[in-house]
Amino acid sequence: MSEDRIDISRALKAAINTGKVEFGVDQTEKAIKAGKAQMIILARNCPSKELEQAENVKIHRYKGNNMELGALCGKPFSVSALVVIDKGTSNILTL
């Protein structure tokens, strides 16, 4: 496991537990339009081309696919995109 993965794993878990994170392409697009998004994380195989070109929002492209990102988030489903609305105590915005 690379150093990058350990950092994103810890940061993501902290953001999910102490901040506000929403999952899914639709939720991510809504948060961007509402101006609430601080950062978006996209799986390697995210189907949304609009999210890849989001402006004024930090974008992190996760090296794994949507199944791996879902598992990393502790979810029993695939996650192709997620949005960090509040980072909580995490350092996720430094990715």
Protein backbone atom coordinates (compact mmCIF):
# COMPACT_ATOMS: atom_id res chain seq x y z
CA MET A 1 0.00 0.00 0.00
CA SER A 2 1.46 3.35 -1.00
CA GLU A 3 1.93 6.30 1.34
CA ASP A 4 -0.65 8.24 -0.71
CA ARG A 5 -3.35 5.67 -0.02
CA ILE A 6 -2.72 5.65 3.73
CA ASP A 7 -3.01 9.44 3.85
CA ILE A 8 -6.22 9.61 1.81
CA SER A 9 -7.73 6.75 3.79
CA ARG A 10 -7.13 8.46 7.14
CA ALA A 11 -8.14 11.87 5.85
CA LEU A 12 -11.32 10.54 4.25
CA LYS A 13 -12.39 8.61 7.36
CA ALA A 14 -11.80 11.69 9.53
CA ALA A 15 -13.81 13.88 7.14
CA ILE A 16 -16.67 11.35 7.04
CA ASN A 17 -16.73 10.97 10.85
CA THR A 18 -16.22 14.60 11.92
CA GLY A 19 -17.29 16.69 8.94
CA LYS A 20 -19.89 16.54 6.19
CA VAL A 21 -19.32 14.37 3.13
CA GLU A 22 -21.95 13.40 0.56
CA PHE A 23 -21.67 10.52 -1.88
CA GLY A 24 -22.67 10.17 -5.51
CA VAL A 25 -22.45 12.14 -8.73
CA ASP A 26 -25.87 13.80 -8.26
CA GLN A 27 -25.16 14.92 -4.67
CA THR A 28 -21.74 16.19 -5.72
CA GLU A 29 -23.18 18.22 -8.61
CA LYS A 30 -25.87 19.71 -6.32
CA ALA A 31 -23.26 20.75 -3.73
CA ILE A 32 -21.11 22.41 -6.42
CA LYS A 33 -24.10 24.33 -7.83
CA ALA A 34 -25.06 25.44 -4.30
CA GLY A 35 -21.51 26.66 -3.68
CA LYS A 36 -21.03 24.31 -0.71
CA ALA A 37 -18.30 22.06 -2.12
CA GLN A 38 -14.79 22.47 -0.71
CA MET A 39 -13.36 19.48 -2.57
CA ILE A 40 -14.50 16.64 -4.78
CA ILE A 41 -12.93 13.22 -5.06
CA LEU A 42 -13.50 11.26 -8.25
CA ALA A 43 -12.85 7.57 -8.81
CA ARG A 44 -10.75 6.63 -11.83
CA ASN A 45 -13.86 5.42 -13.65
CA CYS A 46 -16.25 8.23 -12.68
CA PRO A 47 -18.74 8.59 -15.56
CA SER A 48 -19.33 12.33 -15.12
CA LYS A 49 -17.29 14.54 -17.43
CA GLU A 50 -18.91 17.68 -15.92
CA LEU A 51 -17.36 16.97 -12.51
CA GLU A 52 -13.89 16.65 -14.02
CA GLN A 53 -14.20 20.23 -15.28
CA ALA A 54 -15.71 21.78 -12.14
CA GLU A 55 -14.36 25.25 -11.53
CA ASN A 56 -13.52 26.89 -8.20
CA VAL A 57 -13.46 23.50 -6.45
CA LYS A 58 -10.41 21.44 -5.58
CA ILE A 59 -10.48 18.08 -7.41
CA HIS A 60 -8.65 14.95 -6.31
CA ARG A 61 -8.61 12.02 -8.73
CA TYR A 62 -8.50 8.79 -6.75
CA LYS A 63 -6.30 6.18 -8.43
CA GLY A 64 -8.72 3.32 -7.75
CA ASN A 65 -12.10 2.56 -9.27
CA ASN A 66 -15.56 3.25 -7.81
CA MET A 67 -15.69 -0.08 -5.92
CA GLU A 68 -12.34 0.66 -4.24
CA LEU A 69 -13.39 4.20 -3.34
CA GLY A 70 -16.63 2.90 -1.84
CA ALA A 71 -14.70 0.39 0.27
CA LEU A 72 -12.25 3.10 1.35
CA CYS A 73 -15.21 5.17 2.56
CA GLY A 74 -16.57 2.18 4.47
CA LYS A 75 -19.65 1.98 2.27
CA PRO A 76 -21.27 -1.26 1.05
CA PHE A 77 -21.72 0.27 -2.41
CA SER A 78 -19.56 1.78 -5.12
CA VAL A 79 -18.77 5.51 -4.96
CA SER A 80 -17.66 7.16 -8.18
CA ALA A 81 -17.74 10.69 -6.76
CA LEU A 82 -17.98 12.34 -3.38
CA VAL A 83 -18.00 15.90 -2.15
CA VAL A 84 -16.44 17.31 1.00
CA ILE A 85 -18.71 20.06 2.31
CA ASP A 86 -17.07 20.34 5.74
CA LYS A 87 -13.66 18.77 6.34
CA GLY A 88 -14.20 18.42 10.09
CA THR A 89 -10.92 17.56 11.84
CA SER A 90 -9.39 15.96 8.75
CA ASN A 91 -6.52 17.27 6.65
CA ILE A 92 -8.22 16.14 3.44
CA LEU A 93 -8.02 19.54 1.75
CA THR A 94 -4.21 19.21 1.65
CA LEU A 95 -4.39 16.30 -0.83
